Every structure is written in structure tokens, then in C-alpha cells.
Amino acid sequence: MASVNINIRTNNEIKQKAQKLFERLGLDMTTAVNMFLRQAISKDTLPFDILPIVDHSKGNVPIFGSMKGKIVMAEDFDAPLDDFKEYM
């Protein structure tokens, strides 16, 4: 199948952060964008949830901090607990 070019515009900070992330994952920008496109086609929607961005600098509490003491263990839960104890 023939390859075609896609041109997208973004700001420099977003591009640099994305390139660093993809590099850590062993990907380049082209591969990452192609993965996104293939997943969108496969799922017939965006391959991720769109969530509001929470600005913690304005006093918003991170979700784990606000749930501390409110999490209850399911009786049939049998995973190692060490990773979760700080949230319980």
C-alpha cells in the first residue's frame, strides 16, 4: 500500500514532550501517530476517554487523596496489597 504524508500543526512544547515520551517507549512520532490512527479505526471512535483537565494549583484534590479512608477491600480480592496500602 502506498504511503502518504499527513501534515499536522501543534505547538513546539507539545511536540517536544510527545517526542520524549515516544522515545522512552521506543517509538518515533510517525509510528505513534499511525498507532493512534489504527486504534481509532479499529474501535470506530477515539481510542481513549476525554476527561477534564484538573488544575491542582487551584486547590483541587487529587482523586487518590480525596478517597483515602473511603476505599473498601472486596472480599475476593487476592492481589498483593503493598502497592495499595498508602491509599487505604
C-alpha atoms as a PDB file:
ATOM      1  CA  MET A   1       0.000   0.000   0.000  1.00  0.00           C
ATOM      2  CA  ALA A   2       1.384   3.424  -0.912  1.00  0.00           C
ATOM      3  CA  SER A   3       2.425   5.793   1.870  1.00  0.00           C
ATOM      4  CA  VAL A   4       1.113   9.349   2.034  1.00  0.00           C
ATOM      5  CA  ASN A   5       2.200  12.313   4.122  1.00  0.00           C
ATOM      6  CA  ILE A   6      -0.024  13.934   6.752  1.00  0.00           C
ATOM      7  CA  ASN A   7       0.849  17.421   7.975  1.00  0.00           C
ATOM      8  CA  ILE A   8      -0.362  18.470  11.410  1.00  0.00           C
ATOM      9  CA  ARG A   9       0.207  21.644  13.405  1.00  0.00           C
ATOM     10  CA  THR A  10       0.923  21.782  17.128  1.00  0.00           C
ATOM     11  CA  ASN A  11       2.977  23.997  19.381  1.00  0.00           C
ATOM     12  CA  ASN A  12       6.652  23.297  19.990  1.00  0.00           C
ATOM     13  CA  GLU A  13       6.222  22.337  23.664  1.00  0.00           C
ATOM     14  CA  ILE A  14       3.631  19.664  22.856  1.00  0.00           C
ATOM     15  CA  LYS A  15       5.800  18.286  20.049  1.00  0.00           C
ATOM     16  CA  GLN A  16       8.921  18.115  22.228  1.00  0.00           C
ATOM     17  CA  LYS A  17       7.098  16.449  25.142  1.00  0.00           C
ATOM     18  CA  ALA A  18       5.467  13.933  22.797  1.00  0.00           C
ATOM     19  CA  GLN A  19       8.782  13.103  21.139  1.00  0.00           C
ATOM     20  CA  LYS A  20      10.415  12.494  24.544  1.00  0.00           C
ATOM     21  CA  LEU A  21       7.533  10.269  25.624  1.00  0.00           C
ATOM     22  CA  PHE A  22       7.548   8.265  22.404  1.00  0.00           C
ATOM     23  CA  GLU A  23      11.330   7.912  22.554  1.00  0.00           C
ATOM     24  CA  ARG A  24      11.041   6.451  26.068  1.00  0.00           C
ATOM     25  CA  LEU A  25       8.508   3.987  24.651  1.00  0.00           C
ATOM     26  CA  GLY A  26      10.792   3.059  21.751  1.00  0.00           C
ATOM     27  CA  LEU A  27       8.629   4.835  19.172  1.00  0.00           C
ATOM     28  CA  ASP A  28       9.024   7.702  16.778  1.00  0.00           C
ATOM     29  CA  MET A  29       6.338  10.279  16.015  1.00  0.00           C
ATOM     30  CA  THR A  30       5.272   8.551  12.780  1.00  0.00           C
ATOM     31  CA  THR A  31       4.803   5.181  14.474  1.00  0.00           C
ATOM     32  CA  ALA A  32       2.899   6.724  17.396  1.00  0.00           C
ATOM     33  CA  VAL A  33       0.532   8.645  15.096  1.00  0.00           C
ATOM     34  CA  ASN A  34      -0.038   5.535  12.987  1.00  0.00           C
ATOM     35  CA  MET A  35      -0.820   3.540  16.141  1.00  0.00           C
ATOM     36  CA  PHE A  36      -3.364   6.192  17.149  1.00  0.00           C
ATOM     37  CA  LEU A  37      -4.979   6.157  13.706  1.00  0.00           C
ATOM     38  CA  ARG A  38      -5.180   2.358  13.572  1.00  0.00           C
ATOM     39  CA  GLN A  39      -6.704   2.171  17.065  1.00  0.00           C
ATOM     40  CA  ALA A  40      -9.268   4.855  16.206  1.00  0.00           C
ATOM     41  CA  ILE A  41     -10.262   2.924  13.090  1.00  0.00           C
ATOM     42  CA  SER A  42     -10.360  -0.394  14.958  1.00  0.00           C
ATOM     43  CA  LYS A  43     -12.531   0.986  17.765  1.00  0.00           C
ATOM     44  CA  ASP A  44     -14.550   3.256  15.447  1.00  0.00           C
ATOM     45  CA  THR A  45     -14.063   6.069  17.984  1.00  0.00           C
ATOM     46  CA  LEU A  46     -11.255   7.824  19.800  1.00  0.00           C
ATOM     47  CA  PRO A  47      -9.034   5.196  21.462  1.00  0.00           C
ATOM     48  CA  PHE A  48      -9.133   6.978  24.844  1.00  0.00           C
ATOM     49  CA  ASP A  49     -11.544   8.771  27.144  1.00  0.00           C
ATOM     50  CA  ILE A  50     -11.746  12.554  27.035  1.00  0.00           C
ATOM     51  CA  LEU A  51     -11.554  13.806  30.622  1.00  0.00           C
ATOM     52  CA  PRO A  52     -11.454  17.335  32.004  1.00  0.00           C
ATOM     53  CA  ILE A  53      -8.025  18.604  32.978  1.00  0.00           C
ATOM     54  CA  VAL A  54      -7.885  19.186  36.730  1.00  0.00           C
ATOM     55  CA  ASP A  55      -5.832  22.190  37.831  1.00  0.00           C
ATOM     56  CA  HIS A  56      -4.356  21.118  41.190  1.00  0.00           C
ATOM     57  CA  SER A  57      -2.843  24.573  41.710  1.00  0.00           C
ATOM     58  CA  LYS A  58      -6.342  25.956  42.376  1.00  0.00           C
ATOM     59  CA  GLY A  59      -6.984  23.715  45.379  1.00  0.00           C
ATOM     60  CA  ASN A  60      -8.449  20.697  43.584  1.00  0.00           C
ATOM     61  CA  VAL A  61      -7.669  17.487  45.452  1.00  0.00           C
ATOM     62  CA  PRO A  62      -6.130  14.572  43.541  1.00  0.00           C
ATOM     63  CA  ILE A  63      -8.543  11.649  43.278  1.00  0.00           C
ATOM     64  CA  PHE A  64      -6.485   9.269  45.445  1.00  0.00           C
ATOM     65  CA  GLY A  65      -6.063  11.865  48.175  1.00  0.00           C
ATOM     66  CA  SER A  66      -9.790  12.556  48.279  1.00  0.00           C
ATOM     67  CA  MET A  67     -10.613   8.846  48.515  1.00  0.00           C
ATOM     68  CA  LYS A  68      -8.190   7.989  51.322  1.00  0.00           C
ATOM     69  CA  GLY A  69     -10.077   6.128  54.030  1.00  0.00           C
ATOM     70  CA  LYS A  70     -13.088   5.571  51.759  1.00  0.00           C
ATOM     71  CA  ILE A  71     -11.763   2.576  49.803  1.00  0.00           C
ATOM     72  CA  VAL A  72     -13.076  -0.800  50.933  1.00  0.00           C
ATOM     73  CA  MET A  73     -11.433  -4.100  50.043  1.00  0.00           C
ATOM     74  CA  ALA A  74     -13.537  -6.603  48.116  1.00  0.00           C
ATOM     75  CA  GLU A  75     -13.719  -9.938  49.934  1.00  0.00           C
ATOM     76  CA  ASP A  76     -12.489 -11.897  46.897  1.00  0.00           C
ATOM     77  CA  PHE A  77      -9.538  -9.564  46.192  1.00  0.00           C
ATOM     78  CA  ASP A  78      -6.302 -11.562  46.297  1.00  0.00           C
ATOM     79  CA  ALA A  79      -3.639  -9.286  44.765  1.00  0.00           C
ATOM     80  CA  PRO A  80      -0.561  -8.163  46.752  1.00  0.00           C
ATOM     81  CA  LEU A  81      -1.588  -5.204  48.888  1.00  0.00           C
ATOM     82  CA  ASP A  82       1.761  -3.451  49.398  1.00  0.00           C
ATOM     83  CA  ASP A  83       1.270  -1.196  46.374  1.00  0.00           C
ATOM     84  CA  PHE A  84      -2.159  -0.071  47.580  1.00  0.00           C
ATOM     85  CA  LYS A  85      -1.709   0.374  51.345  1.00  0.00           C
ATOM     86  CA  GLU A  86      -0.935   4.090  51.157  1.00  0.00           C
ATOM     87  CA  TYR A  87      -4.368   4.721  49.597  1.00  0.00           C
ATOM     88  CA  MET A  88      -6.354   2.689  52.143  1.00  0.00           C
END
